[in-house]
Every structure is written in C-alpha cells, then in structure tokens.
N, C-alpha and C. Protein backbone atom coordinates (compact mmCIF):
# COMPACT_ATOMS: atom_id res chain seq x y z
N GLY A 1 100.92 101.63 106.56
CA GLY A 1 101.37 100.85 107.23
C GLY A 1 102.23 99.86 106.51
N ASP A 2 102.52 98.77 107.34
CA ASP A 2 103.40 97.56 106.49
C ASP A 2 102.91 96.54 105.79
N ASN A 3 103.45 95.82 104.78
CA ASN A 3 102.91 94.74 104.16
C ASN A 3 101.71 95.15 103.41
N CYS A 4 101.75 96.54 102.44
CA CYS A 4 100.41 96.82 101.96
C CYS A 4 100.68 96.64 100.59
N ILE A 5 99.91 96.63 99.74
CA ILE A 5 99.71 96.83 98.06
C ILE A 5 99.00 97.75 97.84
N VAL A 6 99.27 98.85 97.01
CA VAL A 6 99.15 99.96 96.63
C VAL A 6 99.46 99.16 94.73
N ASN A 7 98.27 98.64 93.92
CA ASN A 7 98.31 98.12 93.12
C ASN A 7 98.41 99.05 91.56
N SER A 8 98.48 98.68 90.65
CA SER A 8 98.77 99.36 89.38
C SER A 8 97.63 100.13 89.02
N GLY A 9 97.49 101.24 88.68
CA GLY A 9 96.57 102.21 88.28
C GLY A 9 95.51 102.73 89.48
N SER A 10 95.77 102.38 90.67
CA SER A 10 95.35 103.06 91.63
C SER A 10 95.36 104.24 92.30
N VAL A 11 94.89 104.93 92.87
CA VAL A 11 95.08 106.32 93.13
C VAL A 11 94.83 106.21 94.97
N VAL A 12 96.07 107.05 95.61
CA VAL A 12 95.63 107.21 97.26
C VAL A 12 96.07 108.52 97.24
N SER A 13 95.15 109.34 97.26
CA SER A 13 95.39 110.78 97.53
C SER A 13 95.55 111.73 98.46
N HIS A 14 95.83 112.57 98.64
CA HIS A 14 96.27 113.44 99.71
C HIS A 14 96.05 113.13 101.24
N ASP A 15 96.51 113.28 102.17
CA ASP A 15 96.26 112.93 103.53
C ASP A 15 95.31 111.56 103.46
N SER A 16 95.70 110.55 102.74
CA SER A 16 94.83 109.21 103.13
C SER A 16 96.12 108.48 103.69
N VAL A 17 95.62 107.47 104.80
CA VAL A 17 96.31 106.43 105.51
C VAL A 17 95.97 105.07 105.44
N LEU A 18 96.97 104.22 105.17
CA LEU A 18 96.66 102.79 105.24
C LEU A 18 97.14 102.29 106.23
N ALA A 19 96.55 101.56 107.11
CA ALA A 19 96.94 100.37 108.19
C ALA A 19 98.00 99.27 107.72
N ASP A 20 98.09 98.48 108.54
CA ASP A 20 98.88 97.26 107.88
C ASP A 20 97.93 96.37 107.21
N ASN A 21 98.40 95.71 106.32
CA ASN A 21 98.03 94.65 105.32
C ASN A 21 96.57 94.63 104.77
N VAL A 22 96.75 96.40 103.87
CA VAL A 22 96.05 96.81 103.31
C VAL A 22 96.35 96.37 101.59
N HIS A 23 95.30 95.79 100.81
CA HIS A 23 95.15 95.76 99.41
C HIS A 23 94.45 96.57 98.52
N ILE A 24 95.06 97.48 98.11
CA ILE A 24 94.37 98.37 97.30
C ILE A 24 94.31 97.99 95.85
N ALA A 25 93.27 97.13 95.16
CA ALA A 25 93.42 96.64 93.87
C ALA A 25 93.44 97.86 92.99
N PRO A 26 94.13 96.92 91.55
CA PRO A 26 94.17 98.02 90.33
C PRO A 26 92.84 99.15 90.12
N GLY A 27 93.04 99.73 89.85
CA GLY A 27 92.01 101.03 89.63
C GLY A 27 91.51 101.41 90.42
N ALA A 28 91.49 101.30 91.84
CA ALA A 28 90.73 101.86 92.73
C ALA A 28 91.34 103.39 93.27
N ILE A 29 90.49 104.14 93.52
CA ILE A 29 90.58 105.66 93.81
C ILE A 29 90.22 105.61 95.34
N LEU A 30 91.42 106.06 96.04
CA LEU A 30 90.70 106.58 97.25
C LEU A 30 91.20 108.16 97.20
N ALA A 31 90.15 108.94 97.68
CA ALA A 31 89.86 110.74 97.73
C ALA A 31 90.89 110.82 98.80
N GLY A 32 90.86 112.46 99.14
CA GLY A 32 92.17 112.49 99.93
C GLY A 32 91.19 112.56 101.70
N GLY A 33 92.21 112.21 102.33
CA GLY A 33 91.78 111.90 103.67
C GLY A 33 90.84 110.88 104.45
N VAL A 34 91.38 109.55 103.24
CA VAL A 34 90.80 108.57 103.66
C VAL A 34 91.61 107.51 104.38
N ARG A 35 90.86 106.80 105.32
CA ARG A 35 91.42 106.05 106.48
C ARG A 35 90.97 104.40 106.04
N VAL A 36 92.23 103.91 105.90
CA VAL A 36 91.93 102.02 105.72
C VAL A 36 92.31 101.35 106.68
N GLY A 37 91.71 100.72 107.36
CA GLY A 37 92.03 99.91 108.81
C GLY A 37 92.79 98.51 108.09
N SER A 38 93.26 97.97 109.21
CA SER A 38 94.26 96.94 108.91
C SER A 38 93.33 95.47 108.16
N ASP A 39 93.99 94.66 107.33
CA ASP A 39 93.62 93.52 106.75
C ASP A 39 92.11 93.71 105.82
N THR A 40 92.53 95.03 105.32
CA THR A 40 91.16 95.39 104.49
C THR A 40 91.23 94.92 102.95
N LEU A 41 90.38 94.80 101.91
CA LEU A 41 90.86 95.09 100.58
C LEU A 41 89.68 96.08 100.08
N VAL A 42 90.47 96.90 99.10
CA VAL A 42 89.63 97.65 98.39
C VAL A 42 90.06 96.92 96.89
N GLY A 43 88.80 96.43 96.42
CA GLY A 43 88.51 96.01 94.81
C GLY A 43 88.80 96.79 93.76
N MET A 44 88.93 96.28 92.53
CA MET A 44 89.23 96.79 91.51
C MET A 44 87.98 98.06 91.01
N GLY A 45 88.47 99.05 90.55
CA GLY A 45 87.66 99.90 90.00
C GLY A 45 86.88 100.70 91.22
N VAL A 46 87.14 100.46 92.80
CA VAL A 46 86.27 101.03 93.66
C VAL A 46 86.48 102.80 93.67
N THR A 47 85.61 103.36 94.10
CA THR A 47 85.91 104.72 94.47
C THR A 47 85.45 105.10 96.11
N ILE A 48 86.55 105.43 96.90
CA ILE A 48 86.30 106.22 98.13
C ILE A 48 86.12 107.13 97.99
N TYR A 49 84.68 107.87 98.90
CA TYR A 49 84.84 109.59 98.92
C TYR A 49 85.84 110.40 99.88
N LEU A 50 86.18 111.18 99.70
CA LEU A 50 86.64 112.07 100.58
C LEU A 50 86.48 112.01 101.97
N GLY A 51 87.50 111.77 102.70
CA GLY A 51 87.55 111.67 104.28
C GLY A 51 86.86 110.23 104.52
N VAL A 52 86.54 109.26 104.09
CA VAL A 52 85.78 108.31 104.55
C VAL A 52 86.49 107.42 105.28
N GLU A 53 86.12 106.87 106.26
CA GLU A 53 87.10 105.78 107.17
C GLU A 53 86.47 104.25 107.08
N LEU A 54 87.83 103.54 106.24
CA LEU A 54 87.29 101.81 106.19
C LEU A 54 87.77 101.08 107.73
N GLY A 55 86.96 100.49 108.31
CA GLY A 55 87.42 99.64 109.45
C GLY A 55 88.36 98.46 109.29
N GLU A 56 88.51 97.76 109.81
CA GLU A 56 89.43 96.57 109.91
C GLU A 56 88.89 95.46 109.20
N ARG A 57 89.35 94.73 108.31
CA ARG A 57 88.64 93.49 108.01
C ARG A 57 87.44 93.63 107.07
N VAL A 58 87.54 95.13 106.23
CA VAL A 58 86.55 94.91 105.21
C VAL A 58 86.93 94.72 104.23
N VAL A 59 86.15 94.14 103.33
CA VAL A 59 86.18 94.05 101.35
C VAL A 59 85.14 94.72 100.74
N VAL A 60 85.74 95.35 100.16
CA VAL A 60 85.05 96.16 99.06
C VAL A 60 85.08 95.60 97.49
N VAL A 61 83.70 95.10 97.39
CA VAL A 61 83.87 94.17 96.01
C VAL A 61 84.04 95.37 94.78
N ASN A 62 84.60 94.91 93.90
CA ASN A 62 85.00 95.54 92.87
C ASN A 62 83.67 96.56 92.17
N GLY A 63 84.34 97.65 91.80
CA GLY A 63 83.34 98.54 91.11
C GLY A 63 82.28 99.42 92.14
N GLN A 64 82.27 99.09 93.35
CA GLN A 64 81.53 99.62 94.32
C GLN A 64 82.23 101.25 94.44
N HIS A 65 81.19 102.07 95.25
CA HIS A 65 81.52 103.63 95.36
C HIS A 65 80.96 103.55 96.72
N VAL A 66 81.80 104.13 97.40
CA VAL A 66 81.55 104.18 99.01
C VAL A 66 81.91 105.57 99.64
N PHE A 67 80.35 105.97 100.24
CA PHE A 67 80.38 107.62 100.46
C PHE A 67 80.22 107.83 102.03
N GLU A 68 80.11 106.65 102.61
CA GLU A 68 80.12 106.63 104.08
C GLU A 68 81.01 105.93 104.72
N ASN A 69 81.31 106.15 106.38
CA ASN A 69 81.95 105.41 106.71
C ASN A 69 81.74 103.99 107.06
N VAL A 70 82.48 102.69 107.00
CA VAL A 70 82.38 101.46 107.19
C VAL A 70 82.88 100.61 108.26
N ARG A 71 82.19 99.89 109.05
CA ARG A 71 82.35 99.79 110.47
C ARG A 71 83.31 98.55 110.12
N SER A 72 84.45 97.54 111.01
CA SER A 72 85.06 96.74 111.12
C SER A 72 84.05 95.59 110.68
N ASP A 73 85.06 94.34 109.77
CA ASP A 73 84.46 93.38 109.61
C ASP A 73 83.07 93.18 108.56
N ARG A 74 82.95 93.98 107.76
CA ARG A 74 81.79 94.25 106.98
C ARG A 74 82.33 93.66 105.20
N LEU A 75 81.06 93.32 104.87
CA LEU A 75 81.72 93.12 103.21
C LEU A 75 80.75 94.13 102.18
N ILE A 76 81.15 95.03 101.58
CA ILE A 76 80.50 95.98 100.94
C ILE A 76 80.00 95.50 99.26
N GLY A 77 78.97 95.13 98.98
CA GLY A 77 78.70 95.13 97.62
C GLY A 77 78.62 93.62 97.40
N GLY A 78 78.68 92.97 98.20
CA GLY A 78 78.73 91.39 97.77
C GLY A 78 77.89 90.62 98.74
N GLN A 79 77.84 89.14 98.31
CA GLN A 79 77.40 88.22 99.57
C GLN A 79 78.53 87.27 100.25
N ARG A 80 77.78 87.13 101.48
CA ARG A 80 78.80 86.37 102.23
C ARG A 80 78.28 84.67 102.09
N ARG A 81 79.27 84.24 101.83
CA ARG A 81 79.23 82.63 101.78
C ARG A 81 79.30 81.90 102.88
C-alpha cells in the first residue's frame, strides 16, 4: 500500500500484503501470506504467523506473537487508556 514504513531489520515474507499507512517496526517478522489492514502498527519484535490477517487500525504491542486473525480496531498485548 501507499505510505507504509517497513523498518530496519523487519521481515515481510512472501505473498504478504500491506494496505495503506502500515508501520512495521524494527525486528518484526511477518510470515508468508500475511495481510495487514490500513492504519495498522506492528510493534518491535512482533511475529505474525503464516496466513494471519490483521484488520484495520490494529496495534500489536512490542514482542507479541500473533497466531490468529485479528479484527479491526483492536489492541493486542496492551491496555487501552
């Protein structure tokens, strides 16, 4: 997508798709076939399992491991303030 950041040391593996305004932080790893919705942040050191889909406006907090699809407007691994 447009306006994406794939930061230092991150891996976006084969057949993965990033929508607009996605930030993949340093050291994050996306396995093959991952789909990331718009306006989503994948934090430092996060791993996303093969074929997982992240919705829009998702935040995955640093160091999390995601094995299942995540619906839009979710915070994974943290607390809403």
